[in-house]
């Protein structure tokens, strides 16, 4: 049986790649044979992580990119092309959590911060990824949404709105580009063991552990479990999956 998760000769781009789900996915792509562009607003940290991969014998480059800045998103894709000559897979993962406050007490500045990174950032990255993939006639994109795209959550209205928007954007782009050889999908992670997950409970470790125990599976997910889903969605094994938001939440949204 052909190994559909063999990315040898392919090029992958991951945003928010300095830590968490982004880093785990970049590492998984590299271990599966892909050359990887790791992008993050934290320039020093992402450069360090890329250097670790190259030291281990993989092909990788670290790129600074604030995804809310369209010009930087364009430059990021251009860098991928100058380094590796093509773009086969992209995981638009960069995101931030909203500060916890009721909707009527939120501010325009906070709304813009979250929407600009979580939603406009996905749009700006996809814009240039899609252009390159269209030239090639092939490619796969996965956007990181959230179980927050499926429901509401008091106190983080801008985050919930941004993730609902990511799903709508994913579905629309999927329909626009599927006949051009490009598949666009999303993942909806539940509680994953990352720093951003702890921000939901304002760093209260006790509250975080309580949420874990209430999940049907009894624990938080691991970044590597999201990475495995992203690689599958970008692989030939998912060739008939188009415009789908794959929920990976340990049963959170089942009950």
Protein backbone atom coordinates (compact mmCIF):
# COMPACT_ATOMS: atom_id res chain seq x y z
CA UNK A 1 0.00 0.00 0.00
CA UNK A 2 1.33 3.43 -0.93
CA UNK A 3 2.33 5.63 2.01
CA UNK A 4 0.12 8.68 1.45
CA UNK A 5 1.94 10.61 4.19
CA UNK A 6 5.24 10.61 2.29
CA UNK A 7 5.95 14.26 1.43
CA UNK A 8 9.35 13.68 -0.13
CA UNK A 9 10.00 16.34 -2.77
CA UNK A 10 7.14 18.51 -1.51
CA UNK A 11 7.26 21.93 0.11
CA UNK A 12 5.13 22.89 3.12
CA UNK A 13 4.50 26.26 4.74
CA UNK A 14 3.34 26.63 8.34
CA UNK A 15 2.41 29.88 10.10
CA UNK A 16 2.53 30.27 13.85
CA UNK A 17 5.34 27.74 13.64
CA UNK A 18 7.47 28.85 16.58
CA UNK A 19 5.51 26.77 19.09
CA UNK A 20 2.44 24.64 19.76
CA UNK A 21 0.42 23.14 16.94
CA UNK A 22 2.35 25.04 14.29
CA UNK A 23 5.74 23.79 15.43
CA UNK A 24 4.49 20.22 15.82
CA UNK A 25 3.09 20.35 12.27
CA UNK A 26 6.27 21.81 10.80
CA UNK A 27 8.27 19.05 12.48
CA UNK A 28 5.86 16.40 11.19
CA UNK A 29 6.12 17.70 7.63
CA UNK A 30 9.91 17.68 7.85
CA UNK A 31 9.98 14.14 9.26
CA UNK A 32 7.71 13.07 6.38
CA UNK A 33 10.20 14.34 3.81
CA UNK A 34 8.99 17.85 3.01
CA UNK A 35 11.06 20.99 2.85
CA UNK A 36 9.42 23.34 5.35
CA UNK A 37 9.01 27.09 5.68
CA UNK A 38 8.37 27.95 9.33
CA UNK A 39 6.77 31.40 9.68
CA UNK A 40 6.02 33.32 12.84
CA UNK A 41 5.95 36.90 14.13
CA UNK A 42 8.55 35.82 16.71
CA UNK A 43 11.55 36.03 14.41
CA UNK A 44 14.26 34.79 16.78
CA UNK A 45 12.21 31.86 18.08
CA UNK A 46 11.14 30.63 14.65
CA UNK A 47 14.70 30.91 13.36
CA UNK A 48 15.87 28.76 16.27
CA UNK A 49 13.27 26.08 15.55
CA UNK A 50 14.14 26.04 11.85
CA UNK A 51 17.83 25.73 12.73
CA UNK A 52 17.08 22.70 14.91
CA UNK A 53 15.44 20.99 11.94
CA UNK A 54 18.31 21.77 9.58
CA UNK A 55 20.81 20.54 12.17
CA UNK A 56 18.84 17.30 12.31
CA UNK A 57 19.24 16.92 8.55
CA UNK A 58 15.92 18.29 7.32
CA UNK A 59 15.28 21.11 4.85
CA UNK A 60 13.83 24.09 6.67
CA UNK A 61 13.93 27.86 6.79
CA UNK A 62 12.54 30.28 9.37
CA UNK A 63 10.73 33.43 8.21
CA UNK A 64 9.37 36.35 10.20
CA UNK A 65 5.76 37.05 9.27
CA UNK A 66 3.00 39.04 10.93
CA UNK A 67 0.08 37.45 9.10
CA UNK A 68 -2.14 40.48 9.68
CA UNK A 69 0.16 42.41 7.33
CA UNK A 70 -0.70 41.43 3.74
CA UNK A 71 2.68 42.58 2.43
CA UNK A 72 4.46 40.26 4.86
CA UNK A 73 2.22 37.36 3.83
CA UNK A 74 3.14 37.99 0.21
CA UNK A 75 6.83 38.12 1.10
CA UNK A 76 6.50 34.88 3.07
CA UNK A 77 5.21 32.97 0.05
CA UNK A 78 7.83 34.61 -2.15
CA UNK A 79 10.50 33.41 0.28
CA UNK A 80 9.15 29.87 0.06
CA UNK A 81 9.47 30.07 -3.71
CA UNK A 82 12.98 31.52 -3.66
CA UNK A 83 14.15 28.86 -1.21
CA UNK A 84 12.39 25.76 -2.54
CA UNK A 85 10.76 26.62 -5.88
CA UNK A 86 7.20 25.45 -5.23
CA UNK A 87 4.45 25.23 -2.60
CA UNK A 88 2.49 22.03 -2.10
CA UNK A 89 0.95 22.36 1.36
CA UNK A 90 0.14 25.17 3.77
CA UNK A 91 -1.13 25.19 7.34
CA UNK A 92 -2.47 28.63 8.24
CA UNK A 93 -2.21 28.23 11.98
CA UNK A 94 -1.17 31.62 13.40
CA UNK A 95 -3.69 32.95 15.90
CA UNK A 96 -4.29 34.68 19.21
CA UNK A 97 -6.82 34.33 22.01
CA UNK A 98 -9.14 37.19 22.94
CA UNK A 99 -8.90 38.81 26.33
CA UNK A 100 -11.79 37.56 28.40
CA UNK A 101 -14.47 40.22 28.73
CA UNK A 102 -18.22 40.43 28.00
CA UNK A 103 -19.09 41.68 24.53
CA UNK A 104 -20.45 45.05 25.68
CA UNK A 105 -17.24 45.72 27.62
CA UNK A 106 -14.87 44.81 24.79
CA UNK A 107 -12.93 47.43 22.86
CA UNK A 108 -12.43 48.21 19.20
CA UNK A 109 -8.69 47.79 19.66
CA UNK A 110 -9.12 44.27 21.04
CA UNK A 111 -11.62 43.36 18.32
CA UNK A 112 -9.21 44.53 15.62
CA UNK A 113 -6.25 42.71 17.18
CA UNK A 114 -8.02 39.35 17.20
CA UNK A 115 -9.83 39.66 13.86
CA UNK A 116 -6.75 41.00 12.09
CA UNK A 117 -4.61 38.02 13.09
CA UNK A 118 -7.12 35.18 13.24
CA UNK A 119 -9.29 35.98 10.23
CA UNK A 120 -7.62 38.58 8.06
CA UNK A 121 -4.37 36.69 8.61
CA UNK A 122 -5.84 33.51 7.15
CA UNK A 123 -7.21 35.48 4.20
CA UNK A 124 -3.90 37.24 3.51
CA UNK A 125 -1.91 33.99 3.64
CA UNK A 126 -4.41 32.07 1.51
CA UNK A 127 -4.44 34.84 -1.08
CA UNK A 128 -0.79 34.31 -1.99
CA UNK A 129 -0.70 30.58 -1.34
CA UNK A 130 -3.63 30.10 -3.72
CA UNK A 131 -2.03 32.22 -6.42
CA UNK A 132 1.10 30.07 -6.37
CA UNK A 133 -0.80 26.79 -6.18
CA UNK A 134 -3.00 27.88 -9.06
CA UNK A 135 0.09 28.46 -11.18
CA UNK A 136 1.22 24.94 -10.32
CA UNK A 137 -2.21 23.39 -10.78
CA UNK A 138 -2.00 21.63 -7.42
CA UNK A 139 -1.82 22.12 -3.67
CA UNK A 140 -3.57 21.69 -0.35
CA UNK A 141 -4.34 24.27 2.32
CA UNK A 142 -5.51 23.66 5.88
CA UNK A 143 -6.71 26.56 8.03
CA UNK A 144 -6.73 26.34 11.81
CA UNK A 145 -10.21 27.20 13.05
CA UNK A 146 -11.44 25.86 16.41
CA UNK A 147 -14.33 24.15 18.14
CA UNK A 148 -15.13 27.81 18.78
CA UNK A 149 -16.20 27.92 15.14
CA UNK A 150 -19.05 25.55 16.03
CA UNK A 151 -20.53 27.22 19.08
CA UNK A 152 -20.40 30.29 21.32
CA UNK A 153 -18.24 30.90 24.38
CA UNK A 154 -18.94 33.72 26.86
CA UNK A 155 -16.22 36.34 27.19
CA UNK A 156 -14.31 35.74 23.95
CA UNK A 157 -16.67 37.10 21.31
CA UNK A 158 -13.97 38.35 18.92
CA UNK A 159 -12.20 34.98 18.99
CA UNK A 160 -15.43 33.08 18.34
CA UNK A 161 -16.37 35.45 15.52
CA UNK A 162 -12.93 35.12 13.94
CA UNK A 163 -13.08 31.32 13.96
CA UNK A 164 -16.58 31.21 12.52
CA UNK A 165 -15.19 33.44 9.78
CA UNK A 166 -12.30 31.06 9.12
CA UNK A 167 -14.75 28.24 8.42
CA UNK A 168 -16.80 30.39 6.05
CA UNK A 169 -13.67 31.52 4.23
CA UNK A 170 -12.41 27.93 4.02
CA UNK A 171 -15.64 26.66 2.48
CA UNK A 172 -15.79 29.48 -0.04
CA UNK A 173 -12.17 29.13 -1.17
CA UNK A 174 -12.64 25.36 -1.38
CA UNK A 175 -15.45 25.79 -3.90
CA UNK A 176 -13.54 28.40 -5.87
CA UNK A 177 -10.36 26.38 -6.32
CA UNK A 178 -11.20 22.68 -6.22
CA UNK A 179 -11.45 22.46 -10.02
CA UNK A 180 -8.03 24.07 -10.24
CA UNK A 181 -6.41 21.17 -8.40
CA UNK A 182 -6.35 22.82 -4.97
CA UNK A 183 -8.08 21.48 -1.89
CA UNK A 184 -8.88 23.79 1.04
CA UNK A 185 -9.96 22.41 4.41
CA UNK A 186 -9.79 23.31 8.08
CA UNK A 187 -9.22 21.73 11.47
CA UNK A 188 -11.29 22.50 14.57
CA UNK A 189 -9.08 21.69 17.55
CA UNK A 190 -10.63 21.40 20.97
CA UNK A 191 -8.58 21.77 24.14
CA UNK A 192 -4.98 21.26 23.03
CA UNK A 193 -2.04 21.43 25.44
CA UNK A 194 -0.68 24.81 24.34
CA UNK A 195 -0.18 28.21 25.90
CA UNK A 196 -3.11 29.71 24.02
CA UNK A 197 -5.44 27.12 25.59
CA UNK A 198 -4.40 28.27 29.05
CA UNK A 199 -5.20 31.85 28.12
CA UNK A 200 -8.88 30.86 27.94
CA UNK A 201 -8.77 30.40 31.72
CA UNK A 202 -6.37 33.31 32.27
CA UNK A 203 -3.53 30.98 33.20
CA UNK A 204 -5.46 29.31 36.03
CA UNK A 205 -3.89 25.83 35.99
CA UNK A 206 -6.54 24.43 38.31
CA UNK A 207 -9.32 25.60 36.01
CA UNK A 208 -7.44 24.18 33.05
CA UNK A 209 -7.15 20.76 34.69
CA UNK A 210 -10.84 20.85 35.58
CA UNK A 211 -11.74 21.38 31.92
CA UNK A 212 -9.52 18.43 31.02
CA UNK A 213 -11.32 16.10 33.41
CA UNK A 214 -14.71 17.10 31.96
CA UNK A 215 -13.75 16.04 28.43
CA UNK A 216 -15.07 12.63 27.34
CA UNK A 217 -11.52 11.49 26.60
CA UNK A 218 -10.31 12.81 29.97
CA UNK A 219 -7.32 14.82 28.78
CA UNK A 220 -6.19 17.68 26.58
CA UNK A 221 -5.07 16.90 23.06
CA UNK A 222 -1.43 16.98 22.04
CA UNK A 223 -0.13 19.31 19.32
CA UNK A 224 1.16 16.23 17.51
CA UNK A 225 -2.41 14.95 17.19
CA UNK A 226 -3.39 18.08 15.29
CA UNK A 227 -0.26 17.78 13.16
CA UNK A 228 -1.24 14.23 12.16
CA UNK A 229 -4.65 15.46 10.98
CA UNK A 230 -3.16 18.35 9.03
CA UNK A 231 -0.72 16.08 7.21
CA UNK A 232 -3.53 13.69 6.32
CA UNK A 233 -5.69 16.53 4.97
CA UNK A 234 -2.75 17.65 2.81
CA UNK A 235 -2.04 14.13 1.58
CA UNK A 236 -3.39 12.07 -1.33
CA UNK A 237 -5.25 10.03 1.28
CA UNK A 238 -7.64 12.96 1.68
CA UNK A 239 -8.01 13.61 -2.05
CA UNK A 240 -11.83 13.59 -1.86
CA UNK A 241 -12.03 15.87 1.21
CA UNK A 242 -12.97 19.42 0.17
CA UNK A 243 -14.17 22.36 2.27
CA UNK A 244 -14.37 20.28 5.43
CA UNK A 245 -13.77 21.40 9.01
CA UNK A 246 -12.31 18.36 10.77
CA UNK A 247 -13.14 18.49 14.48
CA UNK A 248 -10.43 17.06 16.73
CA UNK A 249 -11.64 17.60 20.27
CA UNK A 250 -11.66 14.37 22.30
CA UNK A 251 -15.44 14.30 22.20
CA UNK A 252 -15.97 17.84 23.51
CA UNK A 253 -18.67 18.72 20.98
CA UNK A 254 -20.34 15.30 21.06
CA UNK A 255 -21.96 15.82 24.46
